[in-house]
Amino acid sequence: MKGAFAEITPPFWSGSGVVSQSPQWQDSNCTLTRLLAIHRRDLGMAVAVAMEIRRGIDELTPLMAALCRRTCRFCPEPCCINHTVWIDFRDLLFLHLLDEPIPPCQAASEPKAACPFLTHHGCRLPPRIRPWMCIQYICPTQQAVLNRKGGSARAALLVKIERIEKKRVWMEAEVIRRIKRRRRTSPSSFPASSG
């Protein structure tokens, strides 16, 4: 599986520092890699949109990091511990389409389990490859900070998030559409003639 993390820092809640790959996680990513490789020539538009998503995430990252610096280290209920976080299909499509590194495991193991990527210094995953649910999440404390800055700051941030979300939906739909179209027109999808 191309790009999986080899080195990661120890997690916040244990001393082992080992994040193991489940066979299902590995199989899912290998299958997605093969599927996208088969259809790669038809996925140019999806790749272009994934690049737009990456630029949007890169623009969003400093804004969200500034919010986190003001709020996260004082938070009595960190979202990485108290919420169930997972890497969804759109996250994986985005990472695979752009050949970004794939996290070594799924973020969620069970409901209300702490995220395996949480450390004493925050998330060990680079911002681009974090689950979208983490990238775009604005907790109530952060919403209060944004409201104190004025409605325009909050509105501008929400517009950026909404724009990226729409592109994620479009990227997924485009991949599915292209794969379905190619499967319908593939010579192997027609019955063999008797002759």
Protein backbone atom coordinates (compact mmCIF):
# COMPACT_ATOMS: atom_id res chain seq x y z
CA MET A 1 0.00 0.00 0.00
CA LYS A 2 1.75 3.10 -1.23
CA GLY A 3 2.51 5.87 1.22
CA ALA A 4 1.51 4.28 4.53
CA PHE A 5 3.20 5.83 7.52
CA ALA A 6 6.25 4.01 8.79
CA GLU A 7 7.12 6.28 11.70
CA ILE A 8 4.60 7.77 14.08
CA THR A 9 4.93 9.34 17.49
CA PRO A 10 3.58 7.66 20.63
CA PRO A 11 -0.14 8.10 21.25
CA PHE A 12 -1.46 10.28 24.04
CA TRP A 13 -3.01 7.47 26.10
CA SER A 14 -0.51 4.60 25.92
CA GLY A 15 3.20 4.01 26.07
CA SER A 16 3.48 1.61 23.14
CA GLY A 17 3.48 4.04 20.23
CA VAL A 18 2.44 1.22 17.91
CA VAL A 19 -0.49 1.70 15.58
CA SER A 20 -1.26 -1.59 13.91
CA GLN A 21 -2.91 -2.08 10.55
CA SER A 22 -5.97 -4.25 10.59
CA PRO A 23 -6.26 -6.72 7.70
CA GLN A 24 -9.56 -5.08 6.68
CA TRP A 25 -7.94 -1.62 6.54
CA GLN A 26 -5.07 -2.91 4.47
CA ASP A 27 -7.36 -4.94 2.16
CA SER A 28 -9.71 -1.99 1.65
CA ASN A 29 -6.87 0.32 0.67
CA CYS A 30 -5.26 -2.26 -1.63
CA THR A 31 -8.60 -2.84 -3.35
CA LEU A 32 -9.19 0.88 -3.79
CA THR A 33 -5.65 1.30 -5.15
CA ARG A 34 -6.26 -1.42 -7.75
CA LEU A 35 -9.70 -0.12 -8.72
CA LEU A 36 -8.46 3.44 -9.23
CA ALA A 37 -5.42 2.19 -11.16
CA ILE A 38 -7.67 0.30 -13.58
CA HIS A 39 -9.77 3.44 -14.20
CA ARG A 40 -7.00 6.06 -13.82
CA ARG A 41 -7.22 7.33 -17.42
CA ASP A 42 -10.93 8.13 -16.94
CA LEU A 43 -10.49 9.96 -13.63
CA GLY A 44 -8.81 13.18 -14.78
CA MET A 45 -11.69 15.40 -13.63
CA ALA A 46 -11.85 13.66 -10.25
CA VAL A 47 -8.10 14.14 -9.81
CA ALA A 48 -8.43 17.83 -10.75
CA VAL A 49 -11.16 18.31 -8.14
CA ALA A 50 -9.07 16.44 -5.56
CA MET A 51 -6.29 18.96 -6.26
CA GLU A 52 -8.76 21.80 -5.65
CA ILE A 53 -9.75 20.14 -2.38
CA ARG A 54 -6.07 19.92 -1.38
CA ARG A 55 -5.62 23.66 -2.09
CA GLY A 56 -8.75 24.39 -0.05
CA ILE A 57 -7.46 22.31 2.87
CA ASP A 58 -4.10 24.08 2.64
CA GLU A 59 -5.93 27.46 2.87
CA LEU A 60 -8.08 26.23 5.75
CA THR A 61 -5.23 24.72 7.78
CA PRO A 62 -3.71 27.94 9.21
CA LEU A 63 -7.14 29.29 10.11
CA MET A 64 -8.12 26.12 11.96
CA ALA A 65 -4.65 25.85 13.58
CA ALA A 66 -5.05 29.37 14.95
CA LEU A 67 -8.42 28.42 16.44
CA CYS A 68 -6.93 25.26 17.94
CA ARG A 69 -4.03 27.17 19.51
CA ARG A 70 -6.56 29.39 21.30
CA THR A 71 -8.83 26.61 22.52
CA CYS A 72 -7.63 23.01 22.37
CA ARG A 73 -4.97 22.86 25.08
CA PHE A 74 -7.47 24.24 27.61
CA CYS A 75 -10.34 21.99 26.54
CA PRO A 76 -11.75 19.78 29.33
CA GLU A 77 -13.38 17.42 26.76
CA PRO A 78 -11.06 17.01 23.75
CA CYS A 79 -12.98 15.99 20.63
CA CYS A 80 -10.23 13.48 19.71
CA ILE A 81 -11.10 11.55 22.87
CA ASN A 82 -14.82 12.19 23.34
CA HIS A 83 -16.08 11.85 19.75
CA THR A 84 -15.91 8.88 17.41
CA VAL A 85 -13.66 9.90 14.54
CA TRP A 86 -13.20 7.91 11.32
CA ILE A 87 -11.64 8.15 7.89
CA ASP A 88 -14.53 7.99 5.42
CA PHE A 89 -14.67 6.85 1.79
CA ARG A 90 -14.29 10.40 0.44
CA ASP A 91 -11.17 10.85 2.59
CA LEU A 92 -9.69 7.69 1.11
CA LEU A 93 -10.63 8.65 -2.45
CA PHE A 94 -8.96 12.02 -1.99
CA LEU A 95 -5.77 10.44 -0.63
CA HIS A 96 -5.63 7.71 -3.28
CA LEU A 97 -6.39 10.01 -6.22
CA LEU A 98 -3.51 12.30 -5.24
CA ASP A 99 -1.14 9.53 -4.11
CA GLU A 100 -1.00 11.09 -0.64
CA PRO A 101 0.21 8.94 2.26
CA ILE A 102 -2.46 6.64 3.67
CA PRO A 103 -2.81 6.62 7.48
CA PRO A 104 -1.65 3.30 8.95
CA CYS A 105 -5.07 2.47 10.39
CA GLN A 106 -8.66 3.60 10.59
CA ALA A 107 -9.14 6.36 13.15
CA ALA A 108 -12.17 4.71 14.79
CA SER A 109 -11.89 1.38 16.49
CA GLU A 110 -15.08 1.58 18.51
CA PRO A 111 -17.54 4.29 19.59
CA LYS A 112 -16.10 6.77 22.08
CA ALA A 113 -12.56 5.30 21.76
CA ALA A 114 -9.79 7.88 21.64
CA CYS A 115 -8.34 8.53 18.20
CA PRO A 116 -5.12 6.52 17.67
CA PHE A 117 -3.44 9.56 16.10
CA LEU A 118 -3.75 11.81 19.17
CA THR A 119 -0.48 12.70 20.94
CA HIS A 120 0.48 15.12 23.72
CA HIS A 121 1.16 17.67 20.97
CA GLY A 122 -2.05 17.14 19.01
CA CYS A 123 -2.70 15.07 15.91
CA ARG A 124 0.25 13.13 14.54
CA LEU A 125 -1.25 13.15 11.01
CA PRO A 126 -0.29 16.01 8.68
CA PRO A 127 -3.32 18.28 8.12
CA ARG A 128 -3.85 17.20 4.50
CA ILE A 129 -4.41 13.57 5.38
CA ARG A 130 -6.54 13.96 8.50
CA PRO A 131 -10.16 12.86 8.32
CA TRP A 132 -12.32 15.64 6.86
CA MET A 133 -14.53 15.47 9.92
CA CYS A 134 -11.51 16.60 11.97
CA ILE A 135 -10.33 19.26 9.54
CA GLN A 136 -13.69 21.03 9.37
CA TYR A 137 -14.91 20.55 12.94
CA ILE A 138 -15.53 23.74 14.90
CA CYS A 139 -16.34 23.03 18.54
CA PRO A 140 -18.66 25.25 20.61
CA THR A 141 -15.68 27.04 22.23
CA GLN A 142 -14.21 27.79 18.81
CA GLN A 143 -17.60 29.01 17.59
CA ALA A 144 -17.66 31.43 20.55
CA VAL A 145 -14.17 32.69 19.62
CA LEU A 146 -15.29 33.24 16.03
CA ASN A 147 -18.46 35.02 17.16
CA ARG A 148 -16.39 37.40 19.30
CA LYS A 149 -14.30 38.21 16.20
CA GLY A 150 -17.47 39.12 14.35
CA GLY A 151 -19.90 37.37 12.08
CA SER A 152 -17.83 37.93 8.95
CA ALA A 153 -14.87 35.85 10.22
CA ARG A 154 -17.15 32.92 11.06
CA ALA A 155 -19.06 33.27 7.78
CA ALA A 156 -15.85 33.34 5.70
CA LEU A 157 -14.58 30.19 7.42
CA LEU A 158 -17.89 28.37 6.94
CA VAL A 159 -17.93 29.29 3.23
CA LYS A 160 -14.47 27.73 2.79
CA ILE A 161 -15.59 24.58 4.59
CA GLU A 162 -18.82 24.33 2.58
CA ARG A 163 -16.94 24.82 -0.70
CA ILE A 164 -14.57 21.95 0.13
CA GLU A 165 -17.46 19.71 1.21
CA LYS A 166 -19.27 20.27 -2.10
CA LYS A 167 -16.10 19.37 -4.00
CA ARG A 168 -15.71 16.20 -1.95
CA VAL A 169 -19.25 15.15 -2.85
CA TRP A 170 -18.63 15.94 -6.53
CA MET A 171 -15.29 14.06 -6.53
CA GLU A 172 -16.93 10.92 -5.15
CA ALA A 173 -19.84 11.13 -7.60
CA GLU A 174 -17.44 11.62 -10.53
CA VAL A 175 -15.37 8.58 -9.58
CA ILE A 176 -18.46 6.40 -9.23
CA ARG A 177 -19.94 7.72 -12.48
CA ARG A 178 -16.73 7.08 -14.45
CA ILE A 179 -16.29 3.58 -13.08
CA LYS A 180 -19.93 2.67 -13.76
CA ARG A 181 -19.74 4.09 -17.29
CA ARG A 182 -16.58 2.17 -18.10
CA ARG A 183 -17.99 -1.07 -16.69
CA ARG A 184 -21.11 -0.73 -18.88
CA THR A 185 -19.09 -0.13 -22.05
CA SER A 186 -16.31 -2.60 -21.33
CA PRO A 187 -16.10 -5.47 -23.85
CA SER A 188 -16.06 -7.94 -20.96
CA SER A 189 -19.51 -6.71 -19.89
CA PHE A 190 -21.11 -7.98 -23.12
CA PRO A 191 -22.18 -11.60 -23.44
CA ALA A 192 -19.97 -13.76 -25.63
CA SER A 193 -21.48 -14.57 -29.00
CA SER A 194 -22.11 -18.16 -29.85
CA GLY A 195 -20.73 -19.00 -33.10
